[in-house]
């Protein structure tokens, strides 16, 4: 079992009512419900941060490519050639 660290938090009366109701319905201790909710929320936040960092890298890469300007020699195709005309 993981070592627990004591934390004191303040919750709203509405949150306490819901927490007690959920604990009674599930048979879990209130502290376990809070730990699980915290784990889930932290995972969401970490995922959002990872996505933000990834998009920053994409933005940087795109800006770098755009700064290089057009490709030498220009393009050798026409837009219409990109579409499949067999379908």
N, C-alpha and C. Protein backbone atom coordinates (compact mmCIF):
# COMPACT_ATOMS: atom_id res chain seq x y z
N UNK A 1 0.85 -1.19 0.00
CA UNK A 1 0.00 0.00 0.00
C UNK A 1 0.89 1.24 0.00
N UNK A 2 0.50 2.22 -0.76
CA UNK A 2 1.27 3.45 -0.86
C UNK A 2 1.22 4.22 0.45
N UNK A 3 2.31 4.90 0.74
CA UNK A 3 2.36 5.73 1.94
C UNK A 3 1.50 6.96 1.71
N UNK A 4 0.69 7.29 2.67
CA UNK A 4 -0.18 8.46 2.55
C UNK A 4 0.41 9.64 3.30
N UNK A 5 0.16 10.83 2.77
CA UNK A 5 0.58 12.08 3.40
C UNK A 5 -0.69 12.83 3.77
N UNK A 6 -0.72 13.31 4.98
CA UNK A 6 -1.92 14.02 5.45
C UNK A 6 -1.98 15.40 4.82
N UNK A 7 -3.14 15.74 4.27
CA UNK A 7 -3.41 17.07 3.71
C UNK A 7 -4.76 17.52 4.25
N UNK A 8 -4.83 18.78 4.61
CA UNK A 8 -6.10 19.33 5.06
C UNK A 8 -6.61 20.26 3.96
N UNK A 9 -7.84 20.00 3.52
CA UNK A 9 -8.43 20.83 2.48
C UNK A 9 -9.81 21.30 2.94
N UNK A 10 -10.27 22.36 2.33
CA UNK A 10 -11.62 22.85 2.60
C UNK A 10 -12.46 22.61 1.36
N UNK A 11 -13.64 22.03 1.57
CA UNK A 11 -14.55 21.79 0.47
C UNK A 11 -15.87 22.48 0.78
N UNK A 12 -16.65 22.67 -0.25
CA UNK A 12 -17.96 23.32 -0.08
C UNK A 12 -18.94 22.32 0.54
N UNK A 13 -19.97 22.86 1.18
CA UNK A 13 -20.99 22.01 1.81
C UNK A 13 -21.62 21.09 0.77
N UNK A 14 -21.85 21.60 -0.43
CA UNK A 14 -22.42 20.79 -1.51
C UNK A 14 -21.49 19.62 -1.85
N UNK A 15 -20.20 19.89 -1.89
CA UNK A 15 -19.23 18.83 -2.19
C UNK A 15 -19.21 17.79 -1.08
N UNK A 16 -19.34 18.22 0.16
CA UNK A 16 -19.37 17.28 1.27
C UNK A 16 -20.59 16.37 1.19
N UNK A 17 -21.74 16.95 0.88
CA UNK A 17 -22.96 16.13 0.75
C UNK A 17 -22.79 15.08 -0.34
N UNK A 18 -22.27 15.51 -1.51
CA UNK A 18 -22.07 14.58 -2.62
C UNK A 18 -21.04 13.51 -2.27
N UNK A 19 -19.98 13.92 -1.59
CA UNK A 19 -18.93 12.98 -1.21
C UNK A 19 -19.47 11.92 -0.25
N UNK A 20 -20.22 12.35 0.74
CA UNK A 20 -20.80 11.41 1.70
C UNK A 20 -21.78 10.46 1.01
N UNK A 21 -22.59 11.01 0.12
CA UNK A 21 -23.56 10.18 -0.61
C UNK A 21 -22.84 9.13 -1.45
N UNK A 22 -21.79 9.56 -2.15
CA UNK A 22 -21.04 8.63 -3.00
C UNK A 22 -20.33 7.57 -2.15
N UNK A 23 -19.77 7.96 -1.03
CA UNK A 23 -19.09 7.01 -0.14
C UNK A 23 -20.07 5.96 0.37
N UNK A 24 -21.25 6.39 0.74
CA UNK A 24 -22.27 5.46 1.24
C UNK A 24 -22.71 4.50 0.14
N UNK A 25 -22.91 5.05 -1.07
CA UNK A 25 -23.38 4.24 -2.19
C UNK A 25 -22.33 3.22 -2.65
N UNK A 26 -21.06 3.63 -2.65
CA UNK A 26 -20.00 2.76 -3.18
C UNK A 26 -19.32 1.91 -2.12
N UNK A 27 -19.45 2.31 -0.87
CA UNK A 27 -18.76 1.59 0.20
C UNK A 27 -17.30 2.00 0.33
N UNK A 28 -16.89 3.00 -0.43
CA UNK A 28 -15.51 3.48 -0.35
C UNK A 28 -15.41 4.55 0.73
N UNK A 29 -14.22 4.69 1.27
CA UNK A 29 -14.00 5.78 2.23
C UNK A 29 -13.93 7.10 1.47
N UNK A 30 -14.35 8.16 2.13
CA UNK A 30 -14.32 9.48 1.51
C UNK A 30 -12.91 9.83 1.04
N UNK A 31 -11.91 9.52 1.83
CA UNK A 31 -10.52 9.83 1.45
C UNK A 31 -10.13 9.10 0.17
N UNK A 32 -10.59 7.87 0.01
CA UNK A 32 -10.27 7.11 -1.21
C UNK A 32 -10.92 7.74 -2.44
N UNK A 33 -12.14 8.21 -2.28
CA UNK A 33 -12.83 8.88 -3.38
C UNK A 33 -12.08 10.15 -3.76
N UNK A 34 -11.65 10.91 -2.77
CA UNK A 34 -10.90 12.14 -3.03
C UNK A 34 -9.58 11.81 -3.73
N UNK A 35 -8.87 10.77 -3.27
CA UNK A 35 -7.59 10.38 -3.90
C UNK A 35 -7.81 9.99 -5.36
N UNK A 36 -8.84 9.21 -5.62
CA UNK A 36 -9.12 8.79 -6.99
C UNK A 36 -9.47 9.98 -7.88
N UNK A 37 -10.29 10.87 -7.35
CA UNK A 37 -10.67 12.06 -8.12
C UNK A 37 -9.44 12.92 -8.41
N UNK A 38 -8.56 13.05 -7.43
CA UNK A 38 -7.34 13.83 -7.61
C UNK A 38 -6.44 13.18 -8.65
N UNK A 39 -6.27 11.87 -8.58
CA UNK A 39 -5.47 11.15 -9.58
C UNK A 39 -6.00 11.39 -10.98
N UNK A 40 -7.31 11.25 -11.13
CA UNK A 40 -7.93 11.41 -12.44
C UNK A 40 -7.75 12.84 -12.96
N UNK A 41 -7.95 13.80 -12.11
CA UNK A 41 -7.81 15.20 -12.54
C UNK A 41 -6.36 15.54 -12.88
N UNK A 42 -5.43 15.05 -12.09
CA UNK A 42 -4.01 15.31 -12.37
C UNK A 42 -3.60 14.69 -13.70
N UNK A 43 -4.13 13.52 -14.00
CA UNK A 43 -3.84 12.87 -15.28
C UNK A 43 -4.35 13.71 -16.44
N UNK A 44 -5.54 14.27 -16.30
CA UNK A 44 -6.10 15.14 -17.34
C UNK A 44 -5.22 16.37 -17.53
N UNK A 45 -4.79 16.97 -16.43
CA UNK A 45 -3.94 18.16 -16.52
C UNK A 45 -2.60 17.85 -17.17
N UNK A 46 -2.00 16.71 -16.82
CA UNK A 46 -0.73 16.32 -17.42
C UNK A 46 -0.88 16.08 -18.92
N UNK A 47 -1.97 15.46 -19.30
CA UNK A 47 -2.24 15.20 -20.71
C UNK A 47 -2.41 16.51 -21.47
N UNK A 48 -3.14 17.44 -20.88
CA UNK A 48 -3.35 18.74 -21.53
C UNK A 48 -2.02 19.48 -21.68
N UNK A 49 -1.16 19.40 -20.68
CA UNK A 49 0.15 20.05 -20.75
C UNK A 49 1.01 19.41 -21.84
N UNK A 50 0.96 18.09 -21.95
CA UNK A 50 1.73 17.40 -23.00
C UNK A 50 1.24 17.81 -24.38
N UNK A 51 -0.07 17.94 -24.56
CA UNK A 51 -0.61 18.39 -25.85
C UNK A 51 -0.19 19.82 -26.16
N UNK A 52 -0.20 20.68 -25.14
CA UNK A 52 0.21 22.07 -25.35
C UNK A 52 1.66 22.14 -25.80
N UNK A 53 2.52 21.38 -25.17
CA UNK A 53 3.94 21.35 -25.54
C UNK A 53 4.12 20.83 -26.96
N UNK A 54 3.38 19.78 -27.30
CA UNK A 54 3.47 19.21 -28.66
C UNK A 54 3.05 20.24 -29.70
N UNK A 55 1.96 20.98 -29.43
CA UNK A 55 1.52 21.99 -30.39
C UNK A 55 2.51 23.13 -30.51
N UNK A 56 3.16 23.48 -29.41
CA UNK A 56 4.20 24.52 -29.48
C UNK A 56 5.33 24.06 -30.40
N UNK A 57 5.70 22.79 -30.32
CA UNK A 57 6.75 22.25 -31.19
C UNK A 57 6.31 22.27 -32.65
N UNK A 58 5.06 21.92 -32.90
CA UNK A 58 4.53 21.96 -34.27
C UNK A 58 4.56 23.39 -34.79
N UNK A 59 4.09 24.33 -33.97
CA UNK A 59 4.11 25.75 -34.37
C UNK A 59 5.52 26.21 -34.72
N UNK A 60 6.48 25.83 -33.90
CA UNK A 60 7.88 26.22 -34.14
C UNK A 60 8.38 25.62 -35.44
N UNK A 61 8.07 24.35 -35.69
CA UNK A 61 8.51 23.69 -36.92
C UNK A 61 7.88 24.34 -38.15
N UNK A 62 6.61 24.65 -38.07
CA UNK A 62 5.93 25.30 -39.20
C UNK A 62 6.51 26.68 -39.46
N UNK A 63 6.74 27.44 -38.40
CA UNK A 63 7.32 28.78 -38.55
C UNK A 63 8.70 28.70 -39.19
N UNK A 64 9.47 27.69 -38.82
CA UNK A 64 10.80 27.50 -39.40
C UNK A 64 10.71 27.19 -40.89
N UNK A 65 9.79 26.33 -41.26
CA UNK A 65 9.61 25.99 -42.68
C UNK A 65 9.13 27.20 -43.47
N UNK A 66 8.21 27.96 -42.90
CA UNK A 66 7.69 29.14 -43.60
C UNK A 66 8.78 30.20 -43.78
N UNK A 67 9.69 30.30 -42.81
CA UNK A 67 10.76 31.28 -42.89
C UNK A 67 11.74 30.96 -44.02
N UNK A 68 11.78 29.70 -44.43
CA UNK A 68 12.67 29.30 -45.52
C UNK A 68 12.17 29.79 -46.87
N UNK A 69 10.92 30.17 -46.93
CA UNK A 69 10.36 30.66 -48.18
C UNK A 69 9.99 29.52 -49.11
N UNK A 70 9.59 29.85 -50.34
CA UNK A 70 9.16 28.83 -51.30
C UNK A 70 10.31 27.90 -51.69
N UNK A 71 9.96 26.71 -52.08
CA UNK A 71 10.97 25.74 -52.52
C UNK A 71 11.62 26.22 -53.81
N UNK A 72 12.88 25.94 -53.94
CA UNK A 72 13.61 26.33 -55.15
C UNK A 72 13.03 25.63 -56.36
N UNK A 73 12.91 26.35 -57.46
CA UNK A 73 12.41 25.75 -58.70
C UNK A 73 10.90 25.78 -58.82
N UNK A 74 10.20 26.12 -57.76
CA UNK A 74 8.74 26.19 -57.82
C UNK A 74 8.11 24.80 -57.92
N UNK A 75 6.82 24.78 -57.99
CA UNK A 75 6.14 23.48 -58.07
C UNK A 75 5.99 23.05 -59.51
N UNK A 76 5.89 21.75 -59.69
CA UNK A 76 5.80 21.19 -61.03
C UNK A 76 4.44 20.53 -61.27
N UNK A 77 3.46 20.82 -60.46
CA UNK A 77 2.15 20.21 -60.57
C UNK A 77 1.08 21.30 -60.50
N UNK A 78 -0.10 20.91 -60.90
CA UNK A 78 -1.25 21.81 -60.79
C UNK A 78 -2.22 21.26 -59.76
N UNK A 79 -2.95 22.13 -59.14
CA UNK A 79 -3.89 21.73 -58.10
C UNK A 79 -4.87 20.66 -58.59
N UNK A 80 -5.34 20.80 -59.82
CA UNK A 80 -6.31 19.86 -60.36
C UNK A 80 -5.75 18.45 -60.42
N UNK A 81 -4.46 18.31 -60.55
CA UNK A 81 -3.83 16.99 -60.63
C UNK A 81 -3.90 16.25 -59.29
N UNK A 82 -4.18 16.95 -58.22
CA UNK A 82 -4.23 16.34 -56.90
C UNK A 82 -5.53 15.56 -56.68
N UNK A 83 -6.54 15.85 -57.45
CA UNK A 83 -7.85 15.23 -57.24
C UNK A 83 -8.00 13.98 -58.10
N UNK A 84 -8.55 12.97 -57.51
CA UNK A 84 -8.78 11.70 -58.22
C UNK A 84 -10.02 11.87 -59.11
N UNK A 85 -9.85 11.70 -60.38
CA UNK A 85 -10.98 11.89 -61.31
C UNK A 85 -11.63 10.57 -61.70
N UNK A 86 -11.18 9.46 -61.11
CA UNK A 86 -11.74 8.15 -61.47
C UNK A 86 -12.99 7.85 -60.69
N UNK A 87 -13.21 8.53 -59.55
CA UNK A 87 -14.32 8.20 -58.67
C UNK A 87 -15.52 8.93 -59.02
